[in-house]
């Protein structure tokens, strides 16, 4: 609602057909991802499934760096490294 009052509202029906297709495909991919995640939780231990899911954060940061020219600060890289390290510690505990 605040976007409307701030004058930043855009009518979603003004989006191009290409944008709509990407939104639809993104929604389908997201739904499929959640179905796969919950299926993995049904057949596997949550302590083994969750690290695989959380590793996507590290991959997104790396892809943003490589393909989108984003340049995280040292503080952000430290956080990404800490998340990745924690994921590996959890995933490979014995």
PDB file of N, CA and C in Angstrom:
ATOM      1  N   UNK A   1       0.801  -1.183   0.000  1.00  0.00           N
ATOM      2  CA  UNK A   1       0.000   0.000   0.000  1.00  0.00           C
ATOM      3  C   UNK A   1       0.855   1.262   0.000  1.00  0.00           C
ATOM      4  N   UNK A   2       1.978   1.222   0.711  1.00  0.00           N
ATOM      5  CA  UNK A   2       2.793   2.430   0.775  1.00  0.00           C
ATOM      6  C   UNK A   2       3.401   2.776  -0.581  1.00  0.00           C
ATOM      7  N   UNK A   3       3.618   1.752  -1.460  1.00  0.00           N
ATOM      8  CA  UNK A   3       4.126   2.048  -2.802  1.00  0.00           C
ATOM      9  C   UNK A   3       3.121   2.893  -3.576  1.00  0.00           C
ATOM     10  N   UNK A   4       1.856   2.598  -3.359  1.00  0.00           N
ATOM     11  CA  UNK A   4       0.813   3.356  -4.044  1.00  0.00           C
ATOM     12  C   UNK A   4       0.832   4.813  -3.603  1.00  0.00           C
ATOM     13  N   UNK A   5       0.900   5.034  -2.300  1.00  0.00           N
ATOM     14  CA  UNK A   5       0.874   6.403  -1.778  1.00  0.00           C
ATOM     15  C   UNK A   5       2.188   7.144  -2.034  1.00  0.00           C
ATOM     16  N   UNK A   6       3.284   6.403  -2.186  1.00  0.00           N
ATOM     17  CA  UNK A   6       4.575   7.040  -2.447  1.00  0.00           C
ATOM     18  C   UNK A   6       4.760   7.349  -3.936  1.00  0.00           C
ATOM     19  N   UNK A   7       3.793   6.957  -4.743  1.00  0.00           N
ATOM     20  CA  UNK A   7       3.886   7.208  -6.175  1.00  0.00           C
ATOM     21  C   UNK A   7       4.786   6.240  -6.906  1.00  0.00           C
ATOM     22  N   UNK A   8       5.087   5.102  -6.307  1.00  0.00           N
ATOM     23  CA  UNK A   8       5.971   4.118  -6.925  1.00  0.00           C
ATOM     24  C   UNK A   8       5.214   2.908  -7.452  1.00  0.00           C
ATOM     25  N   UNK A   9       3.922   2.978  -7.465  1.00  0.00           N
ATOM     26  CA  UNK A   9       3.100   1.856  -7.911  1.00  0.00           C
ATOM     27  C   UNK A   9       3.175   1.716  -9.424  1.00  0.00           C
ATOM     28  N   UNK A  10       3.365   0.505  -9.898  1.00  0.00           N
ATOM     29  CA  UNK A  10       3.309   0.193 -11.322  1.00  0.00           C
ATOM     30  C   UNK A  10       2.218  -0.839 -11.521  1.00  0.00           C
ATOM     31  N   UNK A  11       1.423  -0.649 -12.513  1.00  0.00           N
ATOM     32  CA  UNK A  11       0.355  -1.590 -12.824  1.00  0.00           C
ATOM     33  C   UNK A  11       0.963  -2.892 -13.338  1.00  0.00           C
ATOM     34  N   UNK A  12       0.687  -4.028 -12.685  1.00  0.00           N
ATOM     35  CA  UNK A  12       1.283  -5.294 -13.127  1.00  0.00           C
ATOM     36  C   UNK A  12       0.812  -5.712 -14.510  1.00  0.00           C
ATOM     37  N   UNK A  13      -0.330  -5.185 -14.961  1.00  0.00           N
ATOM     38  CA  UNK A  13      -0.821  -5.539 -16.288  1.00  0.00           C
ATOM     39  C   UNK A  13      -0.044  -4.819 -17.388  1.00  0.00           C
ATOM     40  N   UNK A  14       0.807  -3.871 -17.013  1.00  0.00           N
ATOM     41  CA  UNK A  14       1.644  -3.173 -17.983  1.00  0.00           C
ATOM     42  C   UNK A  14       2.959  -3.907 -18.251  1.00  0.00           C
ATOM     43  N   UNK A  15       3.191  -5.021 -17.559  1.00  0.00           N
ATOM     44  CA  UNK A  15       4.422  -5.785 -17.764  1.00  0.00           C
ATOM     45  C   UNK A  15       4.394  -6.455 -19.134  1.00  0.00           C
ATOM     46  N   UNK A  16       5.560  -6.632 -19.714  1.00  0.00           N
ATOM     47  CA  UNK A  16       5.644  -7.279 -21.021  1.00  0.00           C
ATOM     48  C   UNK A  16       5.327  -8.770 -20.882  1.00  0.00           C
ATOM     49  N   UNK A  17       4.977  -9.381 -22.006  1.00  0.00           N
ATOM     50  CA  UNK A  17       4.673 -10.818 -21.973  1.00  0.00           C
ATOM     51  C   UNK A  17       5.910 -11.624 -21.591  1.00  0.00           C
ATOM     52  N   UNK A  18       7.093 -11.155 -21.995  1.00  0.00           N
ATOM     53  CA  UNK A  18       8.337 -11.843 -21.620  1.00  0.00           C
ATOM     54  C   UNK A  18       8.511 -11.838 -20.106  1.00  0.00           C
ATOM     55  N   UNK A  19       8.242 -10.700 -19.476  1.00  0.00           N
ATOM     56  CA  UNK A  19       8.339 -10.603 -18.019  1.00  0.00           C
ATOM     57  C   UNK A  19       7.339 -11.522 -17.357  1.00  0.00           C
ATOM     58  N   UNK A  20       6.121 -11.591 -17.863  1.00  0.00           N
ATOM     59  CA  UNK A  20       5.107 -12.490 -17.299  1.00  0.00           C
ATOM     60  C   UNK A  20       5.556 -13.946 -17.391  1.00  0.00           C
ATOM     61  N   UNK A  21       6.137 -14.319 -18.542  1.00  0.00           N
ATOM     62  CA  UNK A  21       6.608 -15.692 -18.691  1.00  0.00           C
ATOM     63  C   UNK A  21       7.707 -16.016 -17.686  1.00  0.00           C
ATOM     64  N   UNK A  22       8.620 -15.082 -17.481  1.00  0.00           N
ATOM     65  CA  UNK A  22       9.669 -15.321 -16.493  1.00  0.00           C
ATOM     66  C   UNK A  22       9.088 -15.418 -15.085  1.00  0.00           C
ATOM     67  N   UNK A  23       8.093 -14.611 -14.773  1.00  0.00           N
ATOM     68  CA  UNK A  23       7.444 -14.700 -13.462  1.00  0.00           C
ATOM     69  C   UNK A  23       6.743 -16.046 -13.278  1.00  0.00           C
ATOM     70  N   UNK A  24       6.057 -16.502 -14.308  1.00  0.00           N
ATOM     71  CA  UNK A  24       5.358 -17.790 -14.243  1.00  0.00           C
ATOM     72  C   UNK A  24       6.363 -18.931 -14.089  1.00  0.00           C
ATOM     73  N   UNK A  25       7.427 -18.910 -14.913  1.00  0.00           N
ATOM     74  CA  UNK A  25       8.442 -19.963 -14.817  1.00  0.00           C
ATOM     75  C   UNK A  25       9.160 -19.932 -13.470  1.00  0.00           C
ATOM     76  N   UNK A  26       9.401 -18.735 -12.960  1.00  0.00           N
ATOM     77  CA  UNK A  26      10.028 -18.614 -11.645  1.00  0.00           C
ATOM     78  C   UNK A  26       9.137 -19.196 -10.557  1.00  0.00           C
ATOM     79  N   UNK A  27       7.847 -18.928 -10.641  1.00  0.00           N
ATOM     80  CA  UNK A  27       6.905 -19.488  -9.675  1.00  0.00           C
ATOM     81  C   UNK A  27       6.859 -21.001  -9.736  1.00  0.00           C
ATOM     82  N   UNK A  28       6.867 -21.557 -10.943  1.00  0.00           N
ATOM     83  CA  UNK A  28       6.860 -23.016 -11.093  1.00  0.00           C
ATOM     84  C   UNK A  28       8.148 -23.626 -10.557  1.00  0.00           C
ATOM     85  N   UNK A  29       9.272 -23.003 -10.842  1.00  0.00           N
ATOM     86  CA  UNK A  29      10.553 -23.509 -10.338  1.00  0.00           C
ATOM     87  C   UNK A  29      10.607 -23.446  -8.816  1.00  0.00           C
ATOM     88  N   UNK A  30      10.082 -22.370  -8.251  1.00  0.00           N
ATOM     89  CA  UNK A  30      10.059 -22.240  -6.792  1.00  0.00           C
ATOM     90  C   UNK A  30       9.178 -23.311  -6.167  1.00  0.00           C
ATOM     91  N   UNK A  31       8.014 -23.535  -6.756  1.00  0.00           N
ATOM     92  CA  UNK A  31       7.125 -24.583  -6.247  1.00  0.00           C
ATOM     93  C   UNK A  31       7.765 -25.955  -6.330  1.00  0.00           C
ATOM     94  N   UNK A  32       8.415 -26.243  -7.460  1.00  0.00           N
ATOM     95  CA  UNK A  32       9.087 -27.536  -7.618  1.00  0.00           C
ATOM     96  C   UNK A  32      10.225 -27.675  -6.613  1.00  0.00           C
ATOM     97  N   UNK A  33      10.923 -26.596  -6.358  1.00  0.00           N
ATOM     98  CA  UNK A  33      12.014 -26.613  -5.388  1.00  0.00           C
ATOM     99  C   UNK A  33      11.502 -26.969  -3.999  1.00  0.00           C
ATOM    100  N   UNK A  34      10.413 -26.356  -3.584  1.00  0.00           N
ATOM    101  CA  UNK A  34       9.848 -26.656  -2.266  1.00  0.00           C
ATOM    102  C   UNK A  34       9.341 -28.090  -2.185  1.00  0.00           C
ATOM    103  N   UNK A  35       8.732 -28.584  -3.255  1.00  0.00           N
ATOM    104  CA  UNK A  35       8.271 -29.974  -3.252  1.00  0.00           C
ATOM    105  C   UNK A  35       9.453 -30.928  -3.106  1.00  0.00           C
ATOM    106  N   UNK A  36      10.528 -30.653  -3.822  1.00  0.00           N
ATOM    107  CA  UNK A  36      11.730 -31.491  -3.708  1.00  0.00           C
ATOM    108  C   UNK A  36      12.338 -31.402  -2.318  1.00  0.00           C
ATOM    109  N   UNK A  37      12.345 -30.204  -1.748  1.00  0.00           N
ATOM    110  CA  UNK A  37      12.906 -30.010  -0.408  1.00  0.00           C
ATOM    111  C   UNK A  37      12.118 -30.817   0.624  1.00  0.00           C
ATOM    112  N   UNK A  38      10.790 -30.722   0.572  1.00  0.00           N
ATOM    113  CA  UNK A  38       9.989 -31.459   1.548  1.00  0.00           C
ATOM    114  C   UNK A  38      10.045 -32.958   1.308  1.00  0.00           C
ATOM    115  N   UNK A  39      10.173 -33.380   0.068  1.00  0.00           N
ATOM    116  CA  UNK A  39      10.344 -34.807  -0.207  1.00  0.00           C
ATOM    117  C   UNK A  39      11.676 -35.298   0.362  1.00  0.00           C
ATOM    118  N   UNK A  40      12.715 -34.492   0.196  1.00  0.00           N
ATOM    119  CA  UNK A  40      14.016 -34.858   0.765  1.00  0.00           C
ATOM    120  C   UNK A  40      13.932 -34.946   2.280  1.00  0.00           C
ATOM    121  N   UNK A  41      13.174 -34.042   2.904  1.00  0.00           N
ATOM    122  CA  UNK A  41      13.011 -34.113   4.352  1.00  0.00           C
ATOM    123  C   UNK A  41      12.253 -35.368   4.782  1.00  0.00           C
ATOM    124  N   UNK A  42      11.331 -35.829   3.937  1.00  0.00           N
ATOM    125  CA  UNK A  42      10.589 -37.046   4.262  1.00  0.00           C
ATOM    126  C   UNK A  42      11.479 -38.282   4.225  1.00  0.00           C
ATOM    127  N   UNK A  43      12.405 -38.321   3.285  1.00  0.00           N
ATOM    128  CA  UNK A  43      13.196 -39.548   3.117  1.00  0.00           C
ATOM    129  C   UNK A  43      14.582 -39.469   3.741  1.00  0.00           C
ATOM    130  N   UNK A  44      14.998 -38.271   4.166  1.00  0.00           N
ATOM    131  CA  UNK A  44      16.338 -38.130   4.733  1.00  0.00           C
ATOM    132  C   UNK A  44      16.307 -37.384   6.049  1.00  0.00           C
ATOM    133  N   UNK A  45      17.424 -37.368   6.706  1.00  0.00           N
ATOM    134  CA  UNK A  45      17.546 -36.638   7.962  1.00  0.00           C
ATOM    135  C   UNK A  45      17.608 -35.140   7.682  1.00  0.00           C
ATOM    136  N   UNK A  46      16.888 -34.375   8.489  1.00  0.00           N
ATOM    137  CA  UNK A  46      16.892 -32.921   8.326  1.00  0.00           C
ATOM    138  C   UNK A  46      18.298 -32.361   8.489  1.00  0.00           C
ATOM    139  N   UNK A  47      19.095 -32.993   9.334  1.00  0.00           N
ATOM    140  CA  UNK A  47      20.466 -32.505   9.551  1.00  0.00           C
ATOM    141  C   UNK A  47      21.351 -32.689   8.322  1.00  0.00           C
ATOM    142  N   UNK A  48      20.913 -33.530   7.384  1.00  0.00           N
ATOM    143  CA  UNK A  48      21.660 -33.714   6.144  1.00  0.00           C
ATOM    144  C   UNK A  48      21.039 -32.957   4.978  1.00  0.00           C
ATOM    145  N   UNK A  49      19.735 -32.739   5.046  1.00  0.00           N
ATOM    146  CA  UNK A  49      19.033 -32.046   3.966  1.00  0.00           C
ATOM    147  C   UNK A  49      19.222 -30.537   4.075  1.00  0.00           C
ATOM    148  N   UNK A  50      19.106 -30.002   5.266  1.00  0.00           N
ATOM    149  CA  UNK A  50      19.168 -28.549   5.456  1.00  0.00           C
ATOM    150  C   UNK A  50      20.477 -27.928   4.981  1.00  0.00           C
ATOM    151  N   UNK A  51      21.634 -28.538   5.254  1.00  0.00           N
ATOM    152  CA  UNK A  51      22.869 -27.918   4.756  1.00  0.00           C
ATOM    153  C   UNK A  51      22.919 -27.788   3.236  1.00  0.00           C
ATOM    154  N   UNK A  52      22.377 -28.751   2.537  1.00  0.00           N
ATOM    155  CA  UNK A  52      22.349 -28.675   1.075  1.00  0.00           C
ATOM    156  C   UNK A  52      21.498 -27.485   0.646  1.00  0.00           C
ATOM    157  N   UNK A  53      20.368 -27.294   1.307  1.00  0.00           N
ATOM    158  CA  UNK A  53      19.489 -26.165   0.997  1.00  0.00           C
ATOM    159  C   UNK A  53      20.171 -24.837   1.309  1.00  0.00           C
ATOM    160  N   UNK A  54      20.814 -24.745   2.437  1.00  0.00           N
ATOM    161  CA  UNK A  54      21.438 -23.481   2.852  1.00  0.00           C
ATOM    162  C   UNK A  54      22.675 -23.144   2.036  1.00  0.00           C
ATOM    163  N   UNK A  55      23.274 -24.134   1.407  1.00  0.00           N
ATOM    164  CA  UNK A  55      24.448 -23.875   0.586  1.00  0.00           C
ATOM    165  C   UNK A  55      24.095 -22.998  -0.618  1.00  0.00           C
ATOM    166  N   UNK A  56      22.803 -22.924  -0.946  1.00  0.00           N
ATOM    167  CA  UNK A  56      22.384 -22.076  -2.063  1.00  0.00           C
ATOM    168  C   UNK A  56      22.756 -20.615  -1.808  1.00  0.00           C
ATOM    169  N   UNK A  57      22.801 -20.191  -0.555  1.00  0.00           N
ATOM    170  CA  UNK A  57      23.204 -18.827  -0.231  1.00  0.00           C
ATOM    171  C   UNK A  57      24.622 -18.550  -0.726  1.00  0.00           C
ATOM    172  N   UNK A  58      25.508 -19.488  -0.511  1.00  0.00           N
ATOM    173  CA  UNK A  58      26.893 -19.340  -0.958  1.00  0.00           C
ATOM    174  C   UNK A  58      26.950 -19.315  -2.484  1.00  0.00           C
ATOM    175  N   UNK A  59      26.189 -20.191  -3.116  1.00  0.00           N
ATOM    176  CA  UNK A  59      26.175 -20.231  -4.582  1.00  0.00           C
ATOM    177  C   UNK A  59      25.628 -18.944  -5.175  1.00  0.00           C
ATOM    178  N   UNK A  60      24.581 -18.402  -4.583  1.00  0.00           N
ATOM    179  CA  UNK A  60      24.013 -17.137  -5.077  1.00  0.00           C
ATOM    180  C   UNK A  60      25.045 -16.025  -4.983  1.00  0.00           C
ATOM    181  N   UNK A  61      25.770 -15.966  -3.873  1.00  0.00           N
ATOM    182  CA  UNK A  61      26.803 -14.936  -3.715  1.00  0.00           C
ATOM    183  C   UNK A  61      27.898 -15.096  -4.767  1.00  0.00           C
ATOM    184  N   UNK A  62      28.324 -16.318  -5.012  1.00  0.00           N
ATOM    185  CA  UNK A  62      29.359 -16.554  -6.014  1.00  0.00           C
ATOM    186  C   UNK A  62      28.870 -16.234  -7.427  1.00  0.00           C
ATOM    187  N   UNK A  63      27.651 -16.649  -7.759  1.00  0.00           N
ATOM    188  CA  UNK A  63      27.101 -16.349  -9.087  1.00  0.00           C
ATOM    189  C   UNK A  63      26.914 -14.847  -9.274  1.00  0.00           C
ATOM    190  N   UNK A  64      26.475 -14.156  -8.228  1.00  0.00           N
ATOM    191  CA  UNK A  64      26.312 -12.698  -8.323  1.00  0.00           C
ATOM    192  C   UNK A  64      27.664 -12.038  -8.578  1.00  0.00           C
ATOM    193  N   UNK A  65      28.698 -12.551  -7.944  1.00  0.00           N
ATOM    194  CA  UNK A  65      30.045 -12.020  -8.149  1.00  0.00           C
ATOM    195  C   UNK A  65      30.527 -12.300  -9.576  1.00  0.00           C
ATOM    196  N   UNK A  66      30.343 -13.539 -10.028  1.00  0.00           N
ATOM    197  CA  UNK A  66      30.872 -13.946 -11.326  1.00  0.00           C
ATOM    198  C   UNK A  66      30.091 -13.391 -12.517  1.00  0.00           C
ATOM    199  N   UNK A  67      28.763 -13.356 -12.401  1.00  0.00           N
ATOM    200  CA  UNK A  67      27.946 -13.034 -13.571  1.00  0.00           C
ATOM    201  C   UNK A  67      27.242 -11.683 -13.504  1.00  0.00           C
ATOM    202  N   UNK A  68      27.051 -11.140 -12.311  1.00  0.00           N
ATOM    203  CA  UNK A  68      26.308  -9.881 -12.178  1.00  0.00           C
ATOM    204  C   UNK A  68      27.188  -8.721 -11.751  1.00  0.00           C
ATOM    205  N   UNK A  69      28.475  -8.964 -11.673  1.00  0.00           N
ATOM    206  CA  UNK A  69      29.448  -7.937 -11.298  1.00  0.00           C
ATOM    207  C   UNK A  69      29.179  -7.295  -9.937  1.00  0.00           C
ATOM    208  N   UNK A  70      28.594  -8.061  -9.028  1.00  0.00           N
ATOM    209  CA  UNK A  70      28.438  -7.554  -7.658  1.00  0.00           C
ATOM    210  C   UNK A  70      29.761  -7.724  -6.934  1.00  0.00           C
ATOM    211  N   UNK A  71      30.084  -6.786  -6.122  1.00  0.00           N
ATOM    212  CA  UNK A  71      31.340  -6.825  -5.390  1.00  0.00           C
ATOM    213  C   UNK A  71      31.071  -6.683  -3.893  1.00  0.00           C
ATOM    214  N   UNK A  72      30.866  -7.825  -3.214  1.00  0.00           N
ATOM    215  CA  UNK A  72      30.644  -7.771  -1.764  1.00  0.00           C
ATOM    216  C   UNK A  72      31.850  -7.177  -1.036  1.00  0.00           C
ATOM    217  N   UNK A  73      31.567  -6.540   0.079  1.00  0.00           N
ATOM    218  CA  UNK A  73      32.632  -5.974   0.905  1.00  0.00           C
ATOM    219  C   UNK A  73      33.341  -7.101   1.657  1.00  0.00           C
ATOM    220  N   UNK A  74      34.437  -6.759   2.301  1.00  0.00           N
ATOM    221  CA  UNK A  74      35.176  -7.742   3.102  1.00  0.00           C
ATOM    222  C   UNK A  74      34.257  -8.308   4.185  1.00  0.00           C
ATOM    223  N   UNK A  75      33.476  -7.453   4.797  1.00  0.00           N
ATOM    224  CA  UNK A  75      32.538  -7.908   5.833  1.00  0.00           C
ATOM    225  C   UNK A  75      31.533  -8.915   5.266  1.00  0.00           C
ATOM    226  N   UNK A  76      31.019  -8.636   4.064  1.00  0.00           N
ATOM    227  CA  UNK A  76      30.056  -9.554   3.453  1.00  0.00           C
ATOM    228  C   UNK A  76      30.708 -10.872   3.050  1.00  0.00           C
ATOM    229  N   UNK A  77      31.929 -10.809   2.495  1.00  0.00           N
ATOM    230  CA  UNK A  77      32.647 -12.040   2.163  1.00  0.00           C
ATOM    231  C   UNK A  77      32.916 -12.865   3.418  1.00  0.00           C
ATOM    232  N   UNK A  78      33.217 -12.176   4.512  1.00  0.00           N
ATOM    233  CA  UNK A  78      33.452 -12.889   5.783  1.00  0.00           C
ATOM    234  C   UNK A  78      32.192 -13.633   6.198  1.00  0.00           C
ATOM    235  N   UNK A  79      31.050 -12.982   6.084  1.00  0.00           N
ATOM    236  CA  UNK A  79      29.780 -13.635   6.417  1.00  0.00           C
ATOM    237  C   UNK A  79      29.482 -14.813   5.512  1.00  0.00           C
ATOM    238  N   UNK A  80      29.721 -14.633   4.226  1.00  0.00           N
ATOM    239  CA  UNK A  80      29.498 -15.723   3.268  1.00  0.00           C
ATOM    240  C   UNK A  80      30.418 -16.894   3.590  1.00  0.00           C
ATOM    241  N   UNK A  81      31.684 -16.594   3.887  1.00  0.00           N
ATOM    242  CA  UNK A  81      32.639 -17.638   4.256  1.00  0.00           C
ATOM    243  C   UNK A  81      32.202 -18.358   5.537  1.00  0.00           C
ATOM    244  N   UNK A  82      31.724 -17.598   6.521  1.00  0.00           N
ATOM    245  CA  UNK A  82      31.288 -18.213   7.783  1.00  0.00           C
ATOM    246  C   UNK A  82      30.073 -19.110   7.575  1.00  0.00           C
ATOM    247  N   UNK A  83      29.127 -18.670   6.757  1.00  0.00           N
ATOM    248  CA  UNK A  83      27.956 -19.508   6.459  1.00  0.00           C
ATOM    249  C   UNK A  83      28.404 -20.780   5.753  1.00  0.00           C
ATOM    250  N   UNK A  84      29.257 -20.627   4.734  1.00  0.00           N
ATOM    251  CA  UNK A  84      29.753 -21.800   4.014  1.00  0.00           C
ATOM    252  C   UNK A  84      30.511 -22.755   4.908  1.00  0.00           C
ATOM    253  N   UNK A  85      31.335 -22.217   5.788  1.00  0.00           N
ATOM    254  CA  UNK A  85      32.085 -23.063   6.730  1.00  0.00           C
ATOM    255  C   UNK A  85      31.146 -23.803   7.670  1.00  0.00           C
ATOM    256  N   UNK A  86      30.160 -23.098   8.164  1.00  0.00           N
ATOM    257  CA  UNK A  86      29.187 -23.741   9.058  1.00  0.00           C
ATOM    258  C   UNK A  86      28.424 -24.850   8.363  1.00  0.00           C
ATOM    259  N   UNK A  87      28.065 -24.605   7.112  1.00  0.00           N
ATOM    260  CA  UNK A  87      27.358 -25.631   6.334  1.00  0.00           C
ATOM    261  C   UNK A  87      28.231 -26.871   6.179  1.00  0.00           C
ATOM    262  N   UNK A  88      29.497 -26.660   5.839  1.00  0.00           N
ATOM    263  CA  UNK A  88      30.401 -27.807   5.660  1.00  0.00           C
ATOM    264  C   UNK A  88      30.631 -28.556   6.965  1.00  0.00           C
ATOM    265  N   UNK A  89      30.745 -27.841   8.068  1.00  0.00           N
ATOM    266  CA  UNK A  89      30.924 -28.481   9.379  1.00  0.00           C
ATOM    267  C   UNK A  89      29.721 -29.353   9.718  1.00  0.00           C
ATOM    268  N   UNK A  90      28.527 -28.830   9.484  1.00  0.00           N
ATOM    269  CA  UNK A  90      27.305 -29.586   9.755  1.00  0.00           C
ATOM    270  C   UNK A  90      27.180 -30.771   8.805  1.00  0.00           C
ATOM    271  N   UNK A  91      27.475 -30.543   7.524  1.00  0.00           N
ATOM    272  CA  UNK A  91      27.287 -31.588   6.522  1.00  0.00           C
ATOM    273  C   UNK A  91      28.241 -32.764   6.712  1.00  0.00           C
ATOM    274  N   UNK A  92      29.455 -32.481   7.175  1.00  0.00           N
ATOM    275  CA  UNK A  92      30.456 -33.540   7.272  1.00  0.00           C
ATOM    276  C   UNK A  92      30.768 -33.981   8.683  1.00  0.00           C
ATOM    277  N   UNK A  93      29.881 -33.651   9.635  1.00  0.00           N
ATOM    278  CA  UNK A  93      30.123 -34.092  11.011  1.00  0.00           C
ATOM    279  C   UNK A  93      29.964 -35.611  11.086  1.00  0.00           C
ATOM    280  N   UNK A  94      30.746 -36.216  11.953  1.00  0.00           N
ATOM    281  CA  UNK A  94      30.641 -37.686  12.112  1.00  0.00           C
ATOM    282  C   UNK A  94      30.775 -38.050  13.547  1.00  0.00           C
TER     283      UNK A  94
END
